[in-house]
Amino acid sequence: MHKTKVAIVIACFAALALAQGPSKDEQAAALDAIRQYALSYAERLPNYSCTQTNRQTIRVPGETLTESKEFDCGSKQNTWFGTPAIVLAEGVHGAIPGALPAVAGETSARSEFGRLLDIIFDPKTGADIRWERLGILNGRNVYVFAFRVPQSRGYSLVESRRTIQVPFKGFVYADFDTRAVVRIELKCIDIPGDSEYTGADLTLDYKPAHVAGQEIVVPAHYLAHFQMVRGEVTNEAAFTAYRRFSADSTVQFEGDSQ
């Protein structure tokens, strides 16, 4: 009974600390740990492959086109997130001919998970990162930091005749205990008035998985919504059935069926 009471008291103090929020020094320490995690993320990943399921929906006046594709994608020598990595299946980011330009290039789902971590947290980017709040995401306590990335390292939007780069802002969610980034939300801002885009937002979700006897945080879900002068494009990708690149051992997300 005594141990139970002690546990309750400790839990109450922990809850009170979360409610009051961390001090300035604690916020700075958390941000520093999250930055270190983000900038070394790709380096820590083992070689593995997974199944990527894409779904694209294009909406223009009087017509809606939805396309779904599933295929295996692989990682070798940790190049999964780099520009040279295996590209998305041909046609996934296509468009209705004569209606909307192709939404492609930098919007490749797989490359975003590592690329955006580098852009947001690299000191050379000049991003403004500020404390926002403590929160709960998928039942876990998380740190939430707001960020704003300047145009010089902004998000690329592919138009029919050009590619523009615009600043973006959003939020990074990091696990309270491990400091691992578990979600990135961003919204493009200051889009030129003559652009074919009127808005663009993106959400990336990461999730823990077990492989080779260790827990790693891997991409789980990608959702991008592009608002355009002539319609809308929604791109979605889910990553499942993780397995070691050089073996048949399977990686399962928490909650997946055995």
Protein backbone atom coordinates (compact mmCIF):
# COMPACT_ATOMS: atom_id res chain seq x y z
CA MET A 1 0.00 0.00 0.00
CA HIS A 2 2.85 2.35 0.89
CA LYS A 3 4.49 1.79 -2.48
CA THR A 4 1.18 2.43 -4.20
CA LYS A 5 0.78 5.78 -2.41
CA VAL A 6 4.34 6.77 -3.30
CA ALA A 7 3.70 5.92 -6.95
CA ILE A 8 0.54 8.02 -6.93
CA VAL A 9 2.36 10.98 -5.40
CA ILE A 10 5.15 10.72 -7.98
CA ALA A 11 2.59 10.52 -10.78
CA CYS A 12 0.80 13.59 -9.41
CA PHE A 13 4.04 15.58 -9.29
CA ALA A 14 4.84 14.51 -12.85
CA ALA A 15 1.39 15.55 -14.03
CA LEU A 16 1.77 18.90 -12.26
CA ALA A 17 5.15 19.47 -13.91
CA LEU A 18 3.65 18.75 -17.31
CA ALA A 19 0.76 21.11 -16.64
CA GLN A 20 3.08 23.94 -15.60
CA GLY A 21 5.41 23.33 -18.53
CA PRO A 22 9.20 23.14 -18.59
CA SER A 23 11.40 26.07 -17.62
CA LYS A 24 13.30 28.11 -20.21
CA ASP A 25 16.43 26.08 -19.51
CA GLU A 26 14.52 22.81 -19.88
CA GLN A 27 12.99 24.01 -23.14
CA ALA A 28 16.44 24.87 -24.50
CA ALA A 29 17.86 21.52 -23.40
CA ALA A 30 14.95 19.66 -25.01
CA LEU A 31 15.36 21.58 -28.27
CA ASP A 32 19.08 20.84 -28.32
CA ALA A 33 18.43 17.10 -27.83
CA ILE A 34 15.73 17.09 -30.52
CA ARG A 35 18.07 18.90 -32.92
CA GLN A 36 20.82 16.33 -32.33
CA TYR A 37 18.33 13.54 -32.93
CA ALA A 38 16.99 15.12 -36.12
CA LEU A 39 20.39 15.82 -37.69
CA SER A 40 21.62 12.27 -37.08
CA TYR A 41 18.34 10.55 -37.96
CA ALA A 42 19.26 9.10 -41.35
CA GLU A 43 22.69 7.97 -40.14
CA ARG A 44 21.20 5.77 -37.43
CA LEU A 45 18.78 3.93 -39.69
CA PRO A 46 19.64 0.34 -40.61
CA ASN A 47 19.20 -0.90 -44.16
CA TYR A 48 15.64 -2.09 -44.69
CA SER A 49 12.83 -2.33 -47.16
CA CYS A 50 9.11 -1.79 -46.80
CA THR A 51 5.84 -1.61 -48.69
CA GLN A 52 4.76 1.85 -49.78
CA THR A 53 1.11 2.44 -50.66
CA ASN A 54 0.36 5.69 -52.50
CA ARG A 55 -2.99 7.31 -53.04
CA GLN A 56 -3.50 10.45 -55.09
CA THR A 57 -6.74 12.34 -55.55
CA ILE A 58 -7.07 15.16 -58.08
CA ARG A 59 -10.14 17.36 -58.01
CA VAL A 60 -11.05 19.83 -60.72
CA PRO A 61 -14.47 21.31 -61.49
CA GLY A 62 -16.70 18.48 -62.61
CA GLU A 63 -14.13 15.69 -62.22
CA THR A 64 -12.36 13.72 -59.49
CA LEU A 65 -9.60 11.23 -60.23
CA THR A 66 -8.22 8.87 -57.58
CA GLU A 67 -5.27 6.55 -58.17
CA SER A 68 -3.77 4.05 -55.71
CA LYS A 69 -0.52 2.11 -56.10
CA GLU A 70 1.38 -0.29 -53.88
CA PHE A 71 4.99 -1.32 -54.37
CA ASP A 72 8.12 -2.32 -52.50
CA CYS A 73 10.76 0.29 -51.82
CA GLY A 74 14.21 -0.43 -50.51
CA SER A 75 17.03 1.16 -48.59
CA LYS A 76 20.68 0.26 -49.04
CA GLN A 77 23.61 1.91 -47.32
CA ASN A 78 21.26 4.43 -45.72
CA THR A 79 20.44 6.21 -49.00
CA TRP A 80 16.71 5.86 -48.50
CA PHE A 81 16.20 9.55 -47.78
CA GLY A 82 18.76 11.02 -50.16
CA THR A 83 18.06 12.46 -53.59
CA PRO A 84 19.64 9.41 -55.31
CA ALA A 85 17.23 7.05 -53.53
CA ILE A 86 14.72 4.97 -55.44
CA VAL A 87 12.14 7.34 -56.94
CA LEU A 88 8.40 7.01 -56.66
CA ALA A 89 6.60 4.78 -59.12
CA GLU A 90 6.21 6.51 -62.47
CA GLY A 91 2.94 8.38 -62.81
CA VAL A 92 2.11 8.58 -59.10
CA HIS A 93 2.42 12.36 -59.16
CA GLY A 94 0.85 12.77 -62.57
CA ALA A 95 -2.06 15.07 -63.32
CA ILE A 96 -5.19 15.30 -65.44
CA PRO A 97 -3.83 16.39 -68.84
CA GLY A 98 -4.58 20.06 -69.48
CA ALA A 99 -6.09 20.53 -66.03
CA LEU A 100 -3.33 20.64 -63.42
CA PRO A 101 0.45 20.57 -63.54
CA ALA A 102 2.26 17.55 -62.15
CA VAL A 103 2.89 17.70 -58.41
CA ALA A 104 6.33 16.11 -58.28
CA GLY A 105 9.99 16.84 -57.62
CA GLU A 106 10.60 17.73 -53.97
CA THR A 107 7.20 16.31 -52.99
CA SER A 108 8.50 12.72 -53.22
CA ALA A 109 7.06 11.15 -50.09
CA ARG A 110 10.09 9.13 -49.05
CA SER A 111 12.67 11.87 -49.37
CA GLU A 112 10.68 14.26 -47.19
CA PHE A 113 11.13 12.38 -43.90
CA GLY A 114 14.86 12.96 -43.75
CA ARG A 115 15.11 16.11 -45.86
CA LEU A 116 12.73 18.19 -43.77
CA LEU A 117 14.44 17.21 -40.52
CA ASP A 118 17.72 18.49 -41.98
CA ILE A 119 16.21 21.71 -43.29
CA ILE A 120 14.34 22.61 -40.11
CA PHE A 121 17.13 21.82 -37.65
CA ASP A 122 20.31 22.63 -39.56
CA PRO A 123 21.65 25.86 -38.00
CA LYS A 124 22.74 27.02 -41.47
CA THR A 125 19.09 27.13 -42.55
CA GLY A 126 18.36 30.06 -40.25
CA ALA A 127 15.01 28.63 -39.19
CA ASP A 128 13.23 30.33 -36.31
CA ILE A 129 12.35 27.59 -33.80
CA ARG A 130 10.39 28.53 -30.69
CA TRP A 131 8.77 26.75 -27.77
CA GLU A 132 5.05 26.22 -28.27
CA ARG A 133 3.62 23.86 -25.63
CA LEU A 134 3.49 20.40 -24.12
CA GLY A 135 0.89 18.13 -25.67
CA ILE A 136 -0.34 14.58 -26.14
CA LEU A 137 -0.09 12.73 -29.45
CA ASN A 138 -1.28 9.14 -29.85
CA GLY A 139 -1.38 8.75 -26.08
CA ARG A 140 2.21 9.96 -25.57
CA ASN A 141 3.44 13.19 -24.00
CA VAL A 142 5.21 15.35 -26.57
CA TYR A 143 7.14 18.58 -26.85
CA VAL A 144 5.73 20.91 -29.48
CA PHE A 145 7.99 23.50 -31.10
CA ALA A 146 6.88 26.02 -33.73
CA PHE A 147 9.20 26.78 -36.63
CA ARG A 148 9.49 29.07 -39.62
CA VAL A 149 11.88 28.34 -42.50
CA PRO A 150 12.98 31.22 -44.78
CA GLN A 151 12.56 31.22 -48.54
CA SER A 152 16.27 30.54 -49.06
CA ARG A 153 15.67 26.97 -47.78
CA GLY A 154 11.97 26.95 -48.54
CA TYR A 155 9.63 24.31 -49.97
CA SER A 156 9.69 23.68 -53.73
CA LEU A 157 6.40 23.81 -55.62
CA VAL A 158 6.51 22.43 -59.16
CA GLU A 159 4.43 24.37 -61.65
CA SER A 160 3.82 23.61 -65.33
CA ARG A 161 6.55 26.01 -66.52
CA ARG A 162 8.69 26.65 -63.45
CA THR A 163 9.54 25.59 -59.91
CA ILE A 164 9.19 28.13 -57.14
CA GLN A 165 10.57 28.03 -53.61
CA VAL A 166 8.51 29.49 -50.78
CA PRO A 167 8.97 29.84 -47.02
CA PHE A 168 7.02 27.55 -44.74
CA LYS A 169 6.03 27.33 -41.10
CA GLY A 170 4.59 24.69 -38.82
CA PHE A 171 5.12 22.49 -35.79
CA VAL A 172 7.46 19.69 -34.77
CA TYR A 173 6.23 17.11 -32.24
CA ALA A 174 8.89 15.18 -30.30
CA ASP A 175 8.44 12.39 -27.78
CA PHE A 176 8.79 13.70 -24.21
CA ASP A 177 10.92 10.78 -23.04
CA THR A 178 13.11 9.97 -26.07
CA ARG A 179 13.17 13.37 -27.87
CA ALA A 180 12.45 11.49 -31.11
CA VAL A 181 10.51 13.48 -33.71
CA VAL A 182 7.12 11.82 -34.20
CA ARG A 183 5.32 14.38 -36.38
CA ILE A 184 6.04 17.36 -38.62
CA GLU A 185 3.26 19.67 -39.76
CA LEU A 186 4.02 22.44 -42.23
CA LYS A 187 2.20 25.04 -44.28
CA CYS A 188 3.66 26.98 -47.20
CA ILE A 189 3.37 30.76 -46.84
CA ASP A 190 4.00 33.86 -48.94
CA ILE A 191 3.14 32.05 -52.17
CA PRO A 192 3.42 34.54 -55.08
CA GLY A 193 0.12 35.85 -56.40
CA ASP A 194 0.91 34.65 -59.93
CA SER A 195 1.61 31.09 -58.83
CA GLU A 196 -0.48 28.13 -59.94
CA TYR A 197 -0.63 27.23 -56.22
CA THR A 198 -2.83 29.01 -53.70
CA GLY A 199 -1.90 26.83 -50.73
CA ALA A 200 0.11 23.77 -49.71
CA ASP A 201 0.36 21.84 -46.44
CA LEU A 202 2.02 18.62 -45.38
CA THR A 203 1.96 16.22 -42.41
CA LEU A 204 4.60 13.56 -41.77
CA ASP A 205 4.15 10.91 -39.10
CA TYR A 206 6.93 8.71 -37.70
CA LYS A 207 6.39 5.59 -35.62
CA PRO A 208 8.57 3.20 -33.56
CA ALA A 209 9.34 -0.26 -34.90
CA HIS A 210 11.62 -3.15 -33.90
CA VAL A 211 14.31 -4.50 -36.20
CA ALA A 212 17.41 -6.56 -35.50
CA GLY A 213 16.71 -6.44 -31.78
CA GLN A 214 16.52 -2.66 -31.52
CA GLU A 215 13.77 -0.09 -31.65
CA ILE A 216 13.98 2.52 -34.38
CA VAL A 217 11.67 5.31 -35.47
CA VAL A 218 10.62 4.95 -39.09
CA PRO A 219 8.31 6.80 -41.51
CA ALA A 220 4.69 5.81 -41.05
CA HIS A 221 2.44 8.18 -42.99
CA TYR A 222 2.66 11.11 -45.41
CA LEU A 223 -0.21 13.45 -46.30
CA ALA A 224 0.15 16.45 -48.61
CA HIS A 225 -2.62 18.75 -49.79
CA PHE A 226 -2.03 21.20 -52.63
CA GLN A 227 -4.61 23.89 -53.41
CA MET A 228 -4.31 25.22 -56.92
CA VAL A 229 -5.99 27.79 -59.11
CA ARG A 230 -7.64 25.06 -61.19
CA GLY A 231 -8.31 22.44 -58.53
CA GLU A 232 -6.79 20.43 -55.66
CA VAL A 233 -4.32 17.56 -55.37
CA THR A 234 -4.01 15.28 -52.32
CA ASN A 235 -1.08 12.87 -52.09
CA GLU A 236 -0.99 10.22 -49.37
CA ALA A 237 1.53 7.47 -48.66
CA ALA A 238 1.59 4.77 -45.99
CA PHE A 239 4.69 2.71 -45.14
CA THR A 240 4.16 -0.81 -43.78
CA ALA A 241 5.69 -4.31 -43.69
CA TYR A 242 9.18 -3.14 -42.77
CA ARG A 243 11.86 -5.81 -43.09
CA ARG A 244 15.63 -5.95 -43.10
CA PHE A 245 17.11 -5.24 -46.50
CA SER A 246 19.50 -8.21 -46.36
CA ALA A 247 17.22 -10.70 -44.61
CA ASP A 248 13.60 -11.75 -44.38
CA SER A 249 13.05 -10.65 -40.78
CA THR A 250 9.95 -8.51 -40.57
CA VAL A 251 9.56 -5.23 -38.76
CA GLN A 252 6.13 -4.63 -37.27
CA PHE A 253 4.74 -1.36 -36.00
CA GLU A 254 3.31 -1.27 -32.52
CA GLY A 255 -0.33 -2.30 -32.86
CA ASP A 256 0.19 -4.34 -36.02
CA SER A 257 -1.19 -7.87 -35.97
CA GLN A 258 1.31 -10.63 -35.31
